[in-house]
């Protein structure tokens, strides 16, 4: 397997370095003392090599992933609308503010697959905070992706349509920003999206956190569903906060029989193990809206441990791919060359176990489809918030570019949204 072979080459280089180091530093003793000391040095060198080999076998990724499709959606993409970004400050001057009579199409926080090439893309709350996003209109856009592949393709993404979210029935019982009840990034922070058989949309929000139910025209169908006993500092209901800001329903899984939703918090409850994230169950029962409610105690997803001086990881997305099986994108909070941990895991609830599926900082790109270096493509973005199982051998991912702040491809460039199609070396399950 390519990633394993790379590891072995590194180990044998280490062994050669050790041997050369012994030759470059001859032992000055003579006679039997010299023989004994040299023999001990060789034994020490071999022992060190074996320890390195054992350590590498334990930590090297056991799965390989290859880039087989790539497309880029330009950062500076807009739709007509009210002037936006009036409370922003971007000091490097890469954008002109505010955005006069237009709204950015940015920050894709979740994707839903409609066909081989078309997806619904959920935009997040706008500019990253409740206080600066009241002039950003929440929306879901339909995009068509023309992947660049080894067989051809343009590598482009275009917007087919755009639907703004709104509450015409006045189901939200607290004040909204706009009198026309179009929803803004100061009202909700949508981070996850699923589409059910009746073509309605369920969104996971971080401000409450809430579950939100919309029709395909973007109209809120039911009052927001709050989770009892869980609230963020941005909760419009004024409940006592017990999770940090921006740690609400980042992921949302739809059970295969569509009877349940499974929202997953991005962060742990205050005072709990920071690496233990609760996942809740929400009863759907299609057609029986009176039974829509949270139920059952939570299950817990365990993040990978970090060092004592490191921030706990976060999840960027959680999607259900089979009964009891979830794909979860787990990441550090770093971007650019500093990024160290961007991975996708398969979490199996029965039994409670997780398997590494893809290391997003070590994607093989033998055909040069993406902005790769030495045949390796790195999704070195701070936030990667969309993962879709195309089939059991292929995943689609894209970054949330946090427009206009993302700099994952360098300080002189606002990061584009990169759509990445991966082929795994073996089926997920």
Protein backbone atom coordinates (compact mmCIF):
# COMPACT_ATOMS: atom_id res chain seq x y z
CA UNK A 1 0.00 0.00 0.00
CA UNK A 2 1.50 3.41 -0.96
CA UNK A 3 1.33 5.10 2.46
CA UNK A 4 2.82 2.00 4.12
CA UNK A 5 5.64 1.88 1.57
CA UNK A 6 6.41 5.54 2.22
CA UNK A 7 6.72 4.75 5.90
CA UNK A 8 9.08 1.86 5.29
CA UNK A 9 11.28 4.00 3.03
CA UNK A 10 11.48 6.58 5.83
CA UNK A 11 12.49 3.91 8.34
CA UNK A 12 15.23 2.47 6.16
CA UNK A 13 16.55 6.00 5.59
CA UNK A 14 16.70 6.38 9.38
CA UNK A 15 18.58 3.09 9.63
CA UNK A 16 21.08 4.23 7.00
CA UNK A 17 21.53 7.55 8.82
CA UNK A 18 22.27 5.66 12.05
CA UNK A 19 24.84 3.46 10.28
CA UNK A 20 26.51 6.43 8.59
CA UNK A 21 26.58 8.25 11.91
CA UNK A 22 28.51 5.34 13.44
CA UNK A 23 31.04 5.48 10.60
CA UNK A 24 31.44 9.24 10.89
CA UNK A 25 32.12 9.00 14.64
CA UNK A 26 34.73 6.22 15.02
CA UNK A 27 35.45 4.96 18.51
CA UNK A 28 38.92 5.91 19.72
CA UNK A 29 39.52 2.83 21.89
CA UNK A 30 41.85 0.07 20.73
CA UNK A 31 42.01 -3.64 21.20
CA UNK A 32 39.16 -5.59 22.81
CA UNK A 33 37.67 -2.45 24.37
CA UNK A 34 37.12 -1.01 20.88
CA UNK A 35 35.45 -4.20 19.66
CA UNK A 36 33.15 -4.34 22.66
CA UNK A 37 32.15 -0.67 22.45
CA UNK A 38 31.55 -0.89 18.69
CA UNK A 39 29.43 -4.01 19.18
CA UNK A 40 27.37 -2.27 21.86
CA UNK A 41 26.87 0.71 19.54
CA UNK A 42 25.63 -1.55 16.76
CA UNK A 43 23.23 -3.29 19.13
CA UNK A 44 21.95 0.10 20.31
CA UNK A 45 21.49 1.27 16.71
CA UNK A 46 19.61 -1.88 15.74
CA UNK A 47 17.43 -1.61 18.85
CA UNK A 48 16.58 1.98 18.00
CA UNK A 49 15.67 0.98 14.44
CA UNK A 50 13.39 -1.81 15.65
CA UNK A 51 11.66 0.56 18.07
CA UNK A 52 11.09 3.02 15.22
CA UNK A 53 9.74 0.22 13.03
CA UNK A 54 7.31 -0.92 15.71
CA UNK A 55 6.15 2.64 16.38
CA UNK A 56 5.58 3.29 12.69
CA UNK A 57 3.57 0.10 12.27
CA UNK A 58 1.33 1.31 15.08
CA UNK A 59 0.79 4.86 13.83
CA UNK A 60 0.96 4.70 10.04
CA UNK A 61 -2.44 5.03 8.37
CA UNK A 62 -3.78 1.61 7.49
CA UNK A 63 -5.86 2.95 4.60
CA UNK A 64 -4.87 4.83 1.49
CA UNK A 65 -6.90 7.39 -0.40
CA UNK A 66 -6.46 8.68 -3.94
CA UNK A 67 -7.74 11.88 -5.49
CA UNK A 68 -9.88 10.88 -8.50
CA UNK A 69 -11.90 14.09 -8.95
CA UNK A 70 -11.33 17.76 -8.18
CA UNK A 71 -13.29 20.98 -8.71
CA UNK A 72 -12.90 24.52 -7.49
CA UNK A 73 -15.63 27.07 -6.61
CA UNK A 74 -14.14 30.60 -6.57
CA UNK A 75 -14.20 32.38 -3.22
CA UNK A 76 -15.51 35.64 -4.67
CA UNK A 77 -18.87 34.31 -5.82
CA UNK A 78 -22.09 36.23 -5.20
CA UNK A 79 -25.81 36.37 -5.79
CA UNK A 80 -27.82 39.62 -5.95
CA UNK A 81 -29.25 40.74 -2.61
CA UNK A 82 -29.09 43.31 0.18
CA UNK A 83 -25.70 44.83 0.92
CA UNK A 84 -23.77 42.51 3.20
CA UNK A 85 -20.58 42.49 5.25
CA UNK A 86 -21.14 45.92 6.76
CA UNK A 87 -19.74 44.83 10.15
CA UNK A 88 -16.64 43.11 8.80
CA UNK A 89 -13.02 44.12 8.96
CA UNK A 90 -10.46 42.36 6.77
CA UNK A 91 -7.08 43.93 7.43
CA UNK A 92 -5.11 42.38 4.55
CA UNK A 93 -7.20 44.19 1.94
CA UNK A 94 -8.02 41.13 -0.16
CA UNK A 95 -11.70 42.13 -0.39
CA UNK A 96 -13.52 45.42 -0.77
CA UNK A 97 -16.16 45.92 1.93
CA UNK A 98 -19.07 46.01 2.22
CA UNK A 99 -20.48 43.83 -0.56
CA UNK A 100 -22.76 46.31 -2.26
CA UNK A 101 -26.14 44.91 -3.36
CA UNK A 102 -24.91 41.34 -3.24
CA UNK A 103 -24.52 38.36 -0.94
CA UNK A 104 -21.55 35.96 -0.94
CA UNK A 105 -22.07 32.30 -1.70
CA UNK A 106 -19.63 30.99 0.85
CA UNK A 107 -18.96 28.78 3.83
CA UNK A 108 -20.52 25.47 2.77
CA UNK A 109 -21.18 23.70 6.06
CA UNK A 110 -22.98 20.64 4.66
CA UNK A 111 -23.69 18.90 1.34
CA UNK A 112 -26.57 16.67 0.29
CA UNK A 113 -26.19 14.58 -2.85
CA UNK A 114 -29.00 14.83 -5.42
CA UNK A 115 -27.30 13.08 -8.33
CA UNK A 116 -23.83 12.18 -9.57
CA UNK A 117 -23.04 15.82 -10.23
CA UNK A 118 -25.62 17.93 -8.35
CA UNK A 119 -25.72 18.74 -4.64
CA UNK A 120 -27.53 20.93 -2.18
CA UNK A 121 -25.00 23.08 -0.33
CA UNK A 122 -25.91 24.65 3.00
CA UNK A 123 -24.30 28.00 3.79
CA UNK A 124 -23.47 28.67 7.41
CA UNK A 125 -24.36 31.81 9.36
CA UNK A 126 -22.31 34.17 7.23
CA UNK A 127 -19.22 35.65 8.82
CA UNK A 128 -18.61 33.42 11.81
CA UNK A 129 -20.36 35.28 14.62
CA UNK A 130 -23.84 36.36 15.63
CA UNK A 131 -22.74 39.98 15.99
CA UNK A 132 -21.40 40.46 12.45
CA UNK A 133 -23.84 38.41 10.37
CA UNK A 134 -27.19 40.19 10.69
CA UNK A 135 -26.99 41.37 7.06
CA UNK A 136 -26.25 37.89 5.69
CA UNK A 137 -29.30 35.98 4.41
CA UNK A 138 -29.32 32.26 5.14
CA UNK A 139 -29.69 30.06 2.07
CA UNK A 140 -29.33 26.66 0.49
CA UNK A 141 -27.84 26.59 -3.01
CA UNK A 142 -28.01 23.89 -5.63
CA UNK A 143 -24.66 23.38 -7.35
CA UNK A 144 -23.52 21.34 -10.32
CA UNK A 145 -19.97 19.99 -10.18
CA UNK A 146 -17.93 19.16 -13.28
CA UNK A 147 -15.05 17.20 -11.76
CA UNK A 148 -11.62 17.22 -13.29
CA UNK A 149 -10.70 13.53 -13.49
CA UNK A 150 -7.97 11.47 -15.19
CA UNK A 151 -10.39 11.17 -18.15
CA UNK A 152 -11.07 14.91 -18.42
CA UNK A 153 -13.53 17.44 -17.02
CA UNK A 154 -13.38 21.17 -16.37
CA UNK A 155 -12.92 21.13 -12.58
CA UNK A 156 -15.59 23.79 -12.09
CA UNK A 157 -18.68 24.36 -9.94
CA UNK A 158 -21.68 26.46 -10.91
CA UNK A 159 -24.76 27.55 -9.00
CA UNK A 160 -28.00 26.16 -10.46
CA UNK A 161 -30.40 27.84 -8.03
CA UNK A 162 -30.53 29.50 -4.63
CA UNK A 163 -33.25 29.34 -1.95
CA UNK A 164 -33.32 31.75 0.98
CA UNK A 165 -34.59 30.54 4.37
CA UNK A 166 -37.57 32.32 5.94
CA UNK A 167 -40.30 32.08 8.55
CA UNK A 168 -43.51 33.38 6.92
CA UNK A 169 -45.75 31.50 9.39
CA UNK A 170 -44.17 33.23 12.40
CA UNK A 171 -43.18 29.94 14.03
CA UNK A 172 -40.11 31.48 15.68
CA UNK A 173 -41.44 33.06 18.89
CA UNK A 174 -38.55 35.44 19.57
CA UNK A 175 -37.63 38.60 17.63
CA UNK A 176 -35.93 38.11 14.28
CA UNK A 177 -33.58 40.63 12.68
CA UNK A 178 -35.71 41.36 9.63
CA UNK A 179 -39.32 42.47 9.58
CA UNK A 180 -39.96 40.41 6.42
CA UNK A 181 -38.90 37.31 8.44
CA UNK A 182 -36.13 36.30 6.09
CA UNK A 183 -33.62 34.52 8.29
CA UNK A 184 -30.14 35.91 8.82
CA UNK A 185 -26.86 34.78 10.31
CA UNK A 186 -27.78 36.55 13.53
CA UNK A 187 -30.94 34.40 13.86
CA UNK A 188 -29.48 30.92 13.32
CA UNK A 189 -26.17 29.24 12.54
CA UNK A 190 -27.02 26.25 10.28
CA UNK A 191 -24.28 23.63 10.13
CA UNK A 192 -25.83 20.35 8.96
CA UNK A 193 -28.43 19.28 6.40
CA UNK A 194 -30.42 16.15 5.53
CA UNK A 195 -33.27 15.68 3.06
CA UNK A 196 -36.05 13.20 3.82
CA UNK A 197 -38.33 11.25 1.47
CA UNK A 198 -40.97 13.99 1.55
CA UNK A 199 -38.33 16.37 0.08
CA UNK A 200 -38.25 18.52 3.22
CA UNK A 201 -35.03 19.71 4.80
CA UNK A 202 -33.80 19.24 8.35
CA UNK A 203 -31.02 21.54 9.52
CA UNK A 204 -28.86 21.42 12.62
CA UNK A 205 -28.18 24.81 14.24
CA UNK A 206 -25.48 25.93 16.68
CA UNK A 207 -27.05 28.97 18.35
CA UNK A 208 -29.68 27.09 20.34
CA UNK A 209 -28.80 24.49 19.42
CA UNK A 210 -31.96 23.71 17.46
CA UNK A 211 -33.25 21.34 14.80
CA UNK A 212 -35.01 23.27 12.05
CA UNK A 213 -37.54 21.86 9.56
CA UNK A 214 -38.01 23.56 6.15
CA UNK A 215 -39.76 22.76 2.90
CA UNK A 216 -37.89 22.87 -0.41
CA UNK A 217 -38.95 26.50 -0.86
CA UNK A 218 -37.02 27.44 2.28
CA UNK A 219 -40.09 28.04 4.47
CA UNK A 220 -39.92 26.98 8.11
CA UNK A 221 -42.54 24.26 8.70
CA UNK A 222 -42.40 23.83 12.48
CA UNK A 223 -41.20 25.82 15.47
CA UNK A 224 -37.50 25.22 16.19
CA UNK A 225 -36.84 22.10 18.28
CA UNK A 226 -34.68 22.87 21.31
CA UNK A 227 -32.83 20.14 23.17
CA UNK A 228 -33.72 20.19 26.87
CA UNK A 229 -30.69 20.61 29.09
CA UNK A 230 -28.33 21.81 26.35
CA UNK A 231 -27.81 25.49 25.49
CA UNK A 232 -25.09 27.70 24.06
CA UNK A 233 -24.14 31.28 25.02
CA UNK A 234 -25.93 32.39 21.81
CA UNK A 235 -29.23 30.73 22.74
CA UNK A 236 -32.06 33.19 21.90
CA UNK A 237 -34.23 31.55 24.57
CA UNK A 238 -31.86 32.78 27.27
CA UNK A 239 -31.25 29.39 28.86
CA UNK A 240 -28.23 28.71 31.04
CA UNK A 241 -25.34 27.83 28.73
CA UNK A 242 -23.58 24.50 29.22
CA UNK A 243 -21.71 24.23 25.91
CA UNK A 244 -19.28 26.70 24.40
CA UNK A 245 -20.25 29.03 21.59
CA UNK A 246 -20.20 27.44 18.11
CA UNK A 247 -20.33 23.91 19.54
CA UNK A 248 -23.91 22.98 18.66
CA UNK A 249 -25.34 20.55 16.09
CA UNK A 250 -22.40 20.38 13.69
CA UNK A 251 -23.35 16.93 12.39
CA UNK A 252 -26.70 15.36 11.57
CA UNK A 253 -27.25 11.74 10.58
CA UNK A 254 -30.41 10.35 8.97
CA UNK A 255 -31.19 6.74 9.93
CA UNK A 256 -31.58 4.52 6.82
CA UNK A 257 -35.29 3.88 7.49
CA UNK A 258 -35.73 7.63 8.08
CA UNK A 259 -37.42 7.17 11.45
CA UNK A 260 -34.70 9.03 13.35
CA UNK A 261 -32.27 11.90 13.13
CA UNK A 262 -28.99 11.82 15.04
CA UNK A 263 -27.53 15.28 15.76
CA UNK A 264 -23.98 15.38 17.11
CA UNK A 265 -22.57 18.29 19.10
CA UNK A 266 -19.29 19.78 17.90
CA UNK A 267 -18.02 20.15 21.44
CA UNK A 268 -18.44 18.47 24.81
CA UNK A 269 -20.76 19.59 27.57
CA UNK A 270 -19.11 21.97 30.04
CA UNK A 271 -17.35 20.04 32.79
CA UNK A 272 -17.41 16.77 30.84
CA UNK A 273 -14.50 14.99 29.18
CA UNK A 274 -13.58 17.46 26.37
CA UNK A 275 -12.97 14.54 24.01
CA UNK A 276 -16.44 13.01 24.53
CA UNK A 277 -19.16 14.37 22.24
CA UNK A 278 -22.82 13.51 22.82
CA UNK A 279 -25.04 12.34 19.97
CA UNK A 280 -28.81 12.57 20.49
CA UNK A 281 -31.80 10.84 18.93
CA UNK A 282 -34.71 12.73 17.39
CA UNK A 283 -37.87 10.86 16.37
CA UNK A 284 -39.11 11.70 12.89
CA UNK A 285 -41.99 9.34 12.12
CA UNK A 286 -42.70 10.88 8.70
CA UNK A 287 -46.24 12.19 8.37
CA UNK A 288 -46.78 12.28 12.14
CA UNK A 289 -45.39 15.67 13.10
CA UNK A 290 -46.91 15.50 16.58
CA UNK A 291 -44.31 12.84 17.39
CA UNK A 292 -41.31 14.95 16.36
CA UNK A 293 -39.22 15.09 19.52
CA UNK A 294 -35.88 14.30 21.09
CA UNK A 295 -35.80 10.87 22.72
CA UNK A 296 -33.42 8.33 24.28
CA UNK A 297 -30.21 9.10 26.20
CA UNK A 298 -27.20 10.15 24.14
CA UNK A 299 -24.45 7.98 22.75
CA UNK A 300 -20.93 9.39 22.88
CA UNK A 301 -18.33 9.79 20.17
CA UNK A 302 -14.75 9.78 21.45
CA UNK A 303 -12.37 12.23 19.81
CA UNK A 304 -8.73 11.30 19.34
CA UNK A 305 -6.59 12.41 22.31
CA UNK A 306 -4.33 15.47 22.04
CA UNK A 307 -1.33 16.75 23.93
CA UNK A 308 -1.64 18.65 27.23
CA UNK A 309 -1.09 22.02 25.54
CA UNK A 310 -3.33 21.37 22.53
CA UNK A 311 -6.97 22.29 22.00
CA UNK A 312 -9.35 19.32 21.74
CA UNK A 313 -10.30 18.33 18.22
CA UNK A 314 -13.67 19.21 16.71
CA UNK A 315 -15.96 17.41 14.31
CA UNK A 316 -16.79 19.04 11.00
CA UNK A 317 -19.53 16.69 9.82
CA UNK A 318 -21.35 13.50 10.80
CA UNK A 319 -23.45 11.50 8.33
CA UNK A 320 -25.18 8.15 8.77
CA UNK A 321 -24.15 5.63 6.11
CA UNK A 322 -25.79 2.47 7.48
CA UNK A 323 -27.57 1.28 10.60
CA UNK A 324 -25.33 2.29 13.50
CA UNK A 325 -22.53 3.50 11.21
CA UNK A 326 -21.49 7.14 10.83
CA UNK A 327 -18.81 8.92 8.83
CA UNK A 328 -17.28 11.63 11.00
CA UNK A 329 -14.84 14.29 9.91
CA UNK A 330 -12.50 15.06 12.82
CA UNK A 331 -10.07 17.98 12.73
CA UNK A 332 -7.71 20.26 14.59
CA UNK A 333 -8.25 24.04 14.56
CA UNK A 334 -5.26 24.83 12.33
CA UNK A 335 -5.05 25.75 8.67
CA UNK A 336 -2.45 26.09 5.95
CA UNK A 337 0.96 24.52 6.43
CA UNK A 338 0.29 24.40 10.20
CA UNK A 339 -2.58 21.90 9.79
CA UNK A 340 -1.70 18.58 11.42
CA UNK A 341 -4.90 16.59 11.87
CA UNK A 342 -7.72 16.32 9.30
CA UNK A 343 -9.25 12.84 9.16
CA UNK A 344 -12.40 10.92 8.38
CA UNK A 345 -13.44 8.04 10.63
CA UNK A 346 -16.10 5.37 10.40
CA UNK A 347 -17.80 5.18 13.79
CA UNK A 348 -19.68 1.97 14.47
CA UNK A 349 -22.01 2.20 17.45
CA UNK A 350 -22.47 -1.58 17.67
CA UNK A 351 -19.89 -2.23 19.04
CA UNK A 352 -18.57 1.22 19.92
CA UNK A 353 -15.51 1.47 17.68
CA UNK A 354 -13.96 3.80 15.12
CA UNK A 355 -11.81 3.08 12.08
CA UNK A 356 -9.61 5.50 10.19
CA UNK A 357 -10.99 5.94 6.67
CA UNK A 358 -8.96 8.81 5.21
CA UNK A 359 -6.10 11.09 6.22
CA UNK A 360 -6.99 14.33 4.41
CA UNK A 361 -3.45 15.67 4.71
CA UNK A 362 -1.98 12.71 2.83
CA UNK A 363 -4.10 12.17 -0.28
CA UNK A 364 -2.35 10.55 -3.23
CA UNK A 365 -2.67 12.56 -6.43
CA UNK A 366 -0.80 10.62 -9.12
CA UNK A 367 -2.63 12.47 -11.91
CA UNK A 368 -2.03 16.01 -10.65
CA UNK A 369 -5.70 16.87 -10.37
CA UNK A 370 -5.41 19.23 -7.40
CA UNK A 371 -2.92 21.79 -6.06
CA UNK A 372 -0.57 19.04 -4.93
CA UNK A 373 3.10 18.85 -4.06
CA UNK A 374 5.22 15.81 -4.90
CA UNK A 375 2.11 13.80 -5.69
CA UNK A 376 0.38 14.54 -2.38
CA UNK A 377 -2.77 16.64 -2.05
CA UNK A 378 -3.46 18.21 1.36
CA UNK A 379 -6.88 19.46 2.50
CA UNK A 380 -5.07 21.92 4.74
CA UNK A 381 -8.11 24.01 5.62
CA UNK A 382 -9.08 25.01 9.12
CA UNK A 383 -12.64 23.78 8.63
CA UNK A 384 -13.71 20.86 6.44
CA UNK A 385 -17.41 20.54 7.08
CA UNK A 386 -18.89 18.35 4.36
CA UNK A 387 -18.50 14.64 3.70
CA UNK A 388 -20.71 12.53 1.44
CA UNK A 389 -20.55 8.78 0.86
CA UNK A 390 -20.90 8.48 -2.93
CA UNK A 391 -20.57 4.72 -2.63
CA UNK A 392 -18.59 2.39 -0.38
CA UNK A 393 -15.34 3.15 -2.21
CA UNK A 394 -15.76 6.88 -2.85
CA UNK A 395 -16.20 9.96 -0.64
CA UNK A 396 -16.83 13.57 -1.54
CA UNK A 397 -15.59 16.36 0.73
CA UNK A 398 -15.36 20.13 0.60
CA UNK A 399 -14.04 22.85 2.89
CA UNK A 400 -15.90 25.67 4.58
CA UNK A 401 -13.79 28.63 3.45
CA UNK A 402 -15.06 30.97 6.22
CA UNK A 403 -15.30 33.72 3.61
CA UNK A 404 -13.63 36.18 3.57
CA UNK A 405 -11.25 34.95 6.26
CA UNK A 406 -10.00 31.53 5.10
CA UNK A 407 -6.33 31.44 4.09
CA UNK A 408 -5.71 27.71 3.77
CA UNK A 409 -3.76 28.09 0.49
CA UNK A 410 -1.60 31.01 1.58
CA UNK A 411 -1.84 34.39 3.29
CA UNK A 412 -2.17 36.23 -0.05
CA UNK A 413 -5.25 34.32 -1.22
CA UNK A 414 -8.79 33.83 0.12
CA UNK A 415 -9.32 30.11 -0.04
CA UNK A 416 -11.70 28.79 -2.65
CA UNK A 417 -14.13 25.98 -1.94
CA UNK A 418 -12.46 22.79 -3.14
CA UNK A 419 -14.62 19.78 -4.00
CA UNK A 420 -12.58 16.62 -3.49
CA UNK A 421 -13.58 13.16 -4.73
CA UNK A 422 -11.61 10.38 -3.03
CA UNK A 423 -11.24 6.71 -3.90
CA UNK A 424 -10.51 4.44 -0.93
CA UNK A 425 -8.25 1.42 -1.17
CA UNK A 426 -11.03 -0.83 0.14
CA UNK A 427 -14.77 -0.54 0.82
CA UNK A 428 -15.95 1.25 3.95
CA UNK A 429 -17.79 -1.87 5.17
